[in-house]
Amino acid sequence: MLMVEYDYDTDIKVQRKEAMEEGIQQGIEKNTLDSIKKVMNSLHVTAERAMEILEIPRNDYQNYLRKLRK
């Protein structure tokens, strides 16, 4: 039989940390999407050009393009 000690307080701390990190990441993505839209509208450029202007890493382009289409 396998016996594992469960520490409720540690589990809660880990869950809170993970939730906070996820919330921060979502906030960063929302802010980035808002910035892309503002650059697009202000400068009348494509999403790709807006991301280039904002110096967003190329490997993130597809993720943001997908979210912009929603």
N, C-alpha and C. Protein backbone atom coordinates (compact mmCIF):
# COMPACT_ATOMS: atom_id res chain seq x y z
N MET A 1 0.84 -1.17 0.00
CA MET A 1 0.00 0.00 0.00
C MET A 1 0.89 1.25 0.00
N LEU A 2 0.55 2.20 -0.83
CA LEU A 2 1.31 3.43 -0.95
C LEU A 2 0.73 4.47 -0.01
N MET A 3 1.56 5.03 0.82
CA MET A 3 1.12 6.06 1.76
C MET A 3 1.76 7.39 1.35
N VAL A 4 0.93 8.38 1.10
CA VAL A 4 1.42 9.69 0.72
C VAL A 4 0.83 10.71 1.68
N GLU A 5 1.69 11.56 2.20
CA GLU A 5 1.21 12.59 3.11
C GLU A 5 0.72 13.78 2.29
N TYR A 6 -0.45 14.25 2.60
CA TYR A 6 -1.06 15.37 1.89
C TYR A 6 -0.97 16.60 2.78
N ASP A 7 -0.39 17.66 2.22
CA ASP A 7 -0.26 18.91 2.96
C ASP A 7 -1.19 19.94 2.32
N TYR A 8 -2.32 20.17 2.97
CA TYR A 8 -3.35 21.06 2.44
C TYR A 8 -2.80 22.47 2.20
N ASP A 9 -2.08 23.02 3.17
CA ASP A 9 -1.57 24.39 3.05
C ASP A 9 -0.62 24.54 1.86
N THR A 10 0.25 23.58 1.67
CA THR A 10 1.17 23.63 0.54
C THR A 10 0.41 23.51 -0.77
N ASP A 11 -0.59 22.64 -0.80
CA ASP A 11 -1.40 22.47 -2.00
C ASP A 11 -2.11 23.77 -2.37
N ILE A 12 -2.69 24.44 -1.40
CA ILE A 12 -3.38 25.72 -1.64
C ILE A 12 -2.40 26.77 -2.15
N LYS A 13 -1.22 26.84 -1.55
CA LYS A 13 -0.20 27.82 -1.99
C LYS A 13 0.19 27.57 -3.44
N VAL A 14 0.37 26.32 -3.80
CA VAL A 14 0.75 25.97 -5.18
C VAL A 14 -0.38 26.34 -6.13
N GLN A 15 -1.61 26.03 -5.77
CA GLN A 15 -2.75 26.36 -6.63
C GLN A 15 -2.91 27.87 -6.80
N ARG A 16 -2.72 28.63 -5.74
CA ARG A 16 -2.81 30.09 -5.82
C ARG A 16 -1.72 30.65 -6.72
N LYS A 17 -0.51 30.14 -6.57
CA LYS A 17 0.60 30.61 -7.39
C LYS A 17 0.34 30.32 -8.86
N GLU A 18 -0.13 29.12 -9.16
CA GLU A 18 -0.43 28.75 -10.55
C GLU A 18 -1.54 29.64 -11.12
N ALA A 19 -2.58 29.89 -10.32
CA ALA A 19 -3.68 30.73 -10.77
C ALA A 19 -3.21 32.17 -11.01
N MET A 20 -2.35 32.67 -10.13
CA MET A 20 -1.84 34.02 -10.29
C MET A 20 -0.97 34.13 -11.55
N GLU A 21 -0.11 33.15 -11.77
CA GLU A 21 0.73 33.15 -12.97
C GLU A 21 -0.11 33.09 -14.24
N GLU A 22 -1.17 32.29 -14.22
CA GLU A 22 -2.07 32.20 -15.36
C GLU A 22 -2.78 33.53 -15.61
N GLY A 23 -3.22 34.16 -14.53
CA GLY A 23 -3.87 35.46 -14.65
C GLY A 23 -2.94 36.53 -15.20
N ILE A 24 -1.71 36.51 -14.76
CA ILE A 24 -0.72 37.47 -15.26
C ILE A 24 -0.50 37.25 -16.74
N GLN A 25 -0.35 36.00 -17.16
CA GLN A 25 -0.14 35.69 -18.57
C GLN A 25 -1.33 36.14 -19.41
N GLN A 26 -2.54 35.92 -18.92
CA GLN A 26 -3.73 36.36 -19.64
C GLN A 26 -3.77 37.88 -19.76
N GLY A 27 -3.35 38.57 -18.71
CA GLY A 27 -3.30 40.03 -18.73
C GLY A 27 -2.29 40.54 -19.74
N ILE A 28 -1.14 39.89 -19.81
CA ILE A 28 -0.11 40.28 -20.78
C ILE A 28 -0.64 40.09 -22.19
N GLU A 29 -1.29 38.94 -22.45
CA GLU A 29 -1.84 38.69 -23.78
C GLU A 29 -2.91 39.70 -24.15
N LYS A 30 -3.79 40.03 -23.21
CA LYS A 30 -4.84 41.01 -23.49
C LYS A 30 -4.23 42.38 -23.79
N ASN A 31 -3.25 42.78 -23.02
CA ASN A 31 -2.58 44.06 -23.24
C ASN A 31 -1.89 44.08 -24.60
N THR A 32 -1.24 42.99 -24.95
CA THR A 32 -0.57 42.90 -26.24
C THR A 32 -1.57 42.98 -27.38
N LEU A 33 -2.68 42.26 -27.27
CA LEU A 33 -3.71 42.31 -28.30
C LEU A 33 -4.28 43.72 -28.44
N ASP A 34 -4.52 44.38 -27.31
CA ASP A 34 -5.01 45.76 -27.36
C ASP A 34 -3.99 46.68 -28.05
N SER A 35 -2.72 46.48 -27.76
CA SER A 35 -1.67 47.30 -28.38
C SER A 35 -1.61 47.05 -29.89
N ILE A 36 -1.72 45.81 -30.29
CA ILE A 36 -1.71 45.48 -31.72
C ILE A 36 -2.87 46.19 -32.42
N LYS A 37 -4.06 46.11 -31.83
CA LYS A 37 -5.24 46.74 -32.43
C LYS A 37 -5.06 48.26 -32.52
N LYS A 38 -4.52 48.87 -31.49
CA LYS A 38 -4.31 50.32 -31.49
C LYS A 38 -3.33 50.74 -32.57
N VAL A 39 -2.24 50.00 -32.72
CA VAL A 39 -1.26 50.31 -33.77
C VAL A 39 -1.89 50.13 -35.14
N MET A 40 -2.64 49.05 -35.30
CA MET A 40 -3.31 48.81 -36.59
C MET A 40 -4.23 49.97 -36.95
N ASN A 41 -5.04 50.41 -36.00
CA ASN A 41 -6.00 51.48 -36.26
C ASN A 41 -5.33 52.84 -36.43
N SER A 42 -4.35 53.12 -35.61
CA SER A 42 -3.69 54.43 -35.66
C SER A 42 -2.85 54.61 -36.91
N LEU A 43 -2.12 53.56 -37.27
CA LEU A 43 -1.18 53.67 -38.39
C LEU A 43 -1.71 53.03 -39.68
N HIS A 44 -2.90 52.44 -39.60
CA HIS A 44 -3.51 51.78 -40.77
C HIS A 44 -2.57 50.74 -41.38
N VAL A 45 -2.12 49.82 -40.52
CA VAL A 45 -1.21 48.76 -40.95
C VAL A 45 -1.83 47.41 -40.66
N THR A 46 -1.24 46.38 -41.23
CA THR A 46 -1.69 45.01 -40.98
C THR A 46 -1.30 44.58 -39.57
N ALA A 47 -1.89 43.48 -39.14
CA ALA A 47 -1.55 42.93 -37.83
C ALA A 47 -0.08 42.54 -37.78
N GLU A 48 0.42 41.95 -38.87
CA GLU A 48 1.82 41.55 -38.91
C GLU A 48 2.74 42.76 -38.76
N ARG A 49 2.41 43.85 -39.46
CA ARG A 49 3.24 45.06 -39.37
C ARG A 49 3.15 45.66 -37.97
N ALA A 50 1.97 45.63 -37.37
CA ALA A 50 1.80 46.15 -36.01
C ALA A 50 2.67 45.35 -35.03
N MET A 51 2.69 44.03 -35.19
CA MET A 51 3.51 43.21 -34.30
C MET A 51 4.99 43.48 -34.52
N GLU A 52 5.36 43.72 -35.74
CA GLU A 52 6.76 44.07 -36.05
C GLU A 52 7.12 45.38 -35.36
N ILE A 53 6.25 46.38 -35.47
CA ILE A 53 6.49 47.68 -34.84
C ILE A 53 6.61 47.53 -33.31
N LEU A 54 5.77 46.68 -32.75
CA LEU A 54 5.78 46.46 -31.30
C LEU A 54 6.89 45.51 -30.85
N GLU A 55 7.66 45.00 -31.81
CA GLU A 55 8.78 44.08 -31.54
C GLU A 55 8.32 42.81 -30.81
N ILE A 56 7.19 42.30 -31.25
CA ILE A 56 6.70 41.03 -30.74
C ILE A 56 7.48 39.92 -31.43
N PRO A 57 7.94 38.92 -30.68
CA PRO A 57 8.70 37.83 -31.30
C PRO A 57 7.89 37.13 -32.40
N ARG A 58 8.55 36.84 -33.51
CA ARG A 58 7.88 36.21 -34.66
C ARG A 58 7.20 34.89 -34.30
N ASN A 59 7.76 34.16 -33.38
CA ASN A 59 7.16 32.87 -33.02
C ASN A 59 5.83 33.04 -32.28
N ASP A 60 5.47 34.27 -31.89
CA ASP A 60 4.18 34.53 -31.24
C ASP A 60 3.13 35.04 -32.22
N TYR A 61 3.52 35.36 -33.44
CA TYR A 61 2.60 35.95 -34.42
C TYR A 61 1.34 35.11 -34.62
N GLN A 62 1.49 33.82 -34.85
CA GLN A 62 0.33 32.96 -35.15
C GLN A 62 -0.66 32.94 -33.99
N ASN A 63 -0.14 32.90 -32.79
CA ASN A 63 -1.01 32.91 -31.61
C ASN A 63 -1.84 34.18 -31.58
N TYR A 64 -1.21 35.34 -31.78
CA TYR A 64 -1.94 36.61 -31.75
C TYR A 64 -2.86 36.76 -32.95
N LEU A 65 -2.44 36.31 -34.12
CA LEU A 65 -3.31 36.39 -35.30
C LEU A 65 -4.58 35.58 -35.08
N ARG A 66 -4.43 34.40 -34.49
CA ARG A 66 -5.59 33.55 -34.20
C ARG A 66 -6.53 34.26 -33.24
N LYS A 67 -5.99 34.89 -32.22
CA LYS A 67 -6.83 35.57 -31.23
C LYS A 67 -7.46 36.84 -31.79
N LEU A 68 -6.79 37.49 -32.72
CA LEU A 68 -7.36 38.69 -33.34
C LEU A 68 -8.57 38.35 -34.20
N ARG A 69 -8.60 37.13 -34.76
CA ARG A 69 -9.71 36.72 -35.65
C ARG A 69 -10.97 36.39 -34.86
N LYS A 70 -10.83 36.18 -33.55
CA LYS A 70 -12.00 35.81 -32.73
C LYS A 70 -12.91 36.98 -32.51
